[in-house]
C-alpha atoms as a PDB file:
ATOM      1  CA  MET A   1      92.215  99.004  51.956  1.00  0.00           C
ATOM      2  CA  ASP A   2      94.016 102.019  52.784  1.00  0.00           C
ATOM      3  CA  PRO A   3      97.300 101.901  54.273  1.00  0.00           C
ATOM      4  CA  MET A   4      96.993 104.110  57.084  1.00  0.00           C
ATOM      5  CA  ARG A   5      94.022 102.046  58.336  1.00  0.00           C
ATOM      6  CA  ILE A   6      96.315  99.141  58.484  1.00  0.00           C
ATOM      7  CA  VAL A   7      98.750 101.292  60.543  1.00  0.00           C
ATOM      8  CA  ARG A   8      96.134 102.487  62.859  1.00  0.00           C
ATOM      9  CA  TRP A   9      95.006  99.016  63.734  1.00  0.00           C
ATOM     10  CA  VAL A  10      98.625  97.821  64.202  1.00  0.00           C
ATOM     11  CA  ILE A  11      99.342 100.556  66.750  1.00  0.00           C
ATOM     12  CA  LEU A  12      95.972  99.913  68.346  1.00  0.00           C
ATOM     13  CA  ALA A  13      97.204  96.404  68.575  1.00  0.00           C
ATOM     14  CA  LEU A  14     100.672  96.986  70.042  1.00  0.00           C
ATOM     15  CA  SER A  15      99.274  99.567  72.532  1.00  0.00           C
ATOM     16  CA  SER A  16      96.838  97.063  73.944  1.00  0.00           C
ATOM     17  CA  ALA A  17      99.690  94.503  73.966  1.00  0.00           C
ATOM     18  CA  ALA A  18     101.880  97.032  75.980  1.00  0.00           C
ATOM     19  CA  MET A  19      99.132  97.487  78.386  1.00  0.00           C
ATOM     20  CA  GLY A  20      98.867  93.520  79.024  1.00  0.00           C
ATOM     21  CA  PHE A  21     102.538  93.753  79.313  1.00  0.00           C
ATOM     22  CA  GLY A  22     102.299  96.060  81.972  1.00  0.00           C
ATOM     23  CA  LEU A  23      99.316  94.164  83.888  1.00  0.00           C
ATOM     24  CA  LEU A  24     101.875  91.215  83.442  1.00  0.00           C
ATOM     25  CA  ILE A  25     104.932  93.033  85.045  1.00  0.00           C
ATOM     26  CA  MET A  26     102.787  94.205  87.740  1.00  0.00           C
ATOM     27  CA  PHE A  27     101.465  90.854  88.733  1.00  0.00           C
ATOM     28  CA  GLY A  28     105.153  89.547  88.632  1.00  0.00           C
ATOM     29  CA  LEU A  29     104.709  87.380  85.839  1.00  0.00           C
ATOM     30  CA  LEU A  30     107.241  88.647  83.386  1.00  0.00           C
ATOM     31  CA  VAL A  31     109.914  89.405  86.089  1.00  0.00           C
ATOM     32  CA  PRO A  32     112.570  86.641  86.164  1.00  0.00           C
ATOM     33  CA  SER A  33     112.729  85.080  89.903  1.00  0.00           C
ATOM     34  CA  HIS A  34     116.392  85.625  89.910  1.00  0.00           C
ATOM     35  CA  PHE A  35     116.090  89.337  89.181  1.00  0.00           C
ATOM     36  CA  ALA A  36     116.712  91.020  92.256  1.00  0.00           C
ATOM     37  CA  MET A  37     114.280  93.914  92.223  1.00  0.00           C
ATOM     38  CA  PRO A  38     111.663  95.409  95.186  1.00  0.00           C
ATOM     39  CA  GLY A  39     108.153  94.741  94.469  1.00  0.00           C
ATOM     40  CA  GLU A  40     107.485  98.615  94.594  1.00  0.00           C
ATOM     41  CA  TYR A  41     109.936  98.837  91.619  1.00  0.00           C
ATOM     42  CA  ARG A  42     108.130  96.097  89.607  1.00  0.00           C
ATOM     43  CA  ILE A  43     104.670  97.854  90.191  1.00  0.00           C
ATOM     44  CA  VAL A  44     106.117 101.073  89.530  1.00  0.00           C
ATOM     45  CA  VAL A  45     107.609  99.809  85.972  1.00  0.00           C
ATOM     46  CA  GLY A  46     104.396  97.802  85.395  1.00  0.00           C
ATOM     47  CA  LEU A  47     102.332 101.134  85.889  1.00  0.00           C
ATOM     48  CA  VAL A  48     104.439 103.086  83.348  1.00  0.00           C
ATOM     49  CA  VAL A  49     104.447 100.497  80.775  1.00  0.00           C
ATOM     50  CA  PHE A  50     100.742 100.152  81.121  1.00  0.00           C
ATOM     51  CA  LEU A  51     100.045 104.024  81.188  1.00  0.00           C
ATOM     52  CA  TYR A  52     102.276 104.326  77.984  1.00  0.00           C
ATOM     53  CA  GLY A  53     100.075 101.730  76.391  1.00  0.00           C
ATOM     54  CA  LEU A  54      97.024 103.365  77.290  1.00  0.00           C
ATOM     55  CA  TYR A  55      98.462 107.091  76.181  1.00  0.00           C
ATOM     56  CA  ARG A  56      99.135 105.505  72.866  1.00  0.00           C
ATOM     57  CA  PHE A  57      95.611 103.652  72.610  1.00  0.00           C
ATOM     58  CA  VAL A  58      93.835 106.831  73.298  1.00  0.00           C
ATOM     59  CA  VAL A  59      95.793 109.044  71.207  1.00  0.00           C
ATOM     60  CA  THR A  60      95.454 106.744  68.499  1.00  0.00           C
ATOM     61  CA  TYR A  61      91.882 105.999  68.729  1.00  0.00           C
ATOM     62  CA  TYR A  62      90.508 109.530  69.328  1.00  0.00           C
ATOM     63  CA  ARG A  63      92.690 110.821  66.491  1.00  0.00           C
ATOM     64  CA  PRO A  64      90.643 112.583  63.767  1.00  0.00           C
ATOM     65  CA  THR A  65      91.087 110.405  60.602  1.00  0.00           C
ATOM     66  CA  ARG A  66      90.927 111.891  57.055  1.00  0.00           C
ATOM     67  CA  PRO A  67      88.215 111.014  54.619  1.00  0.00           C
END
């Protein structure tokens, strides 16, 4: 199997995980209860992590592959 295909699938999986972590941060499941952070910051941080994961996924998915 081509090593670049393996790397591509790993990047797709990690970017999907980043999107999932972003959603979990926005919903407040990954933020510790003793951590004093306003809800607006939690949503902004979660959104940034989600959008970064989405960006990496789209860039990797639509990158042209070499034959």
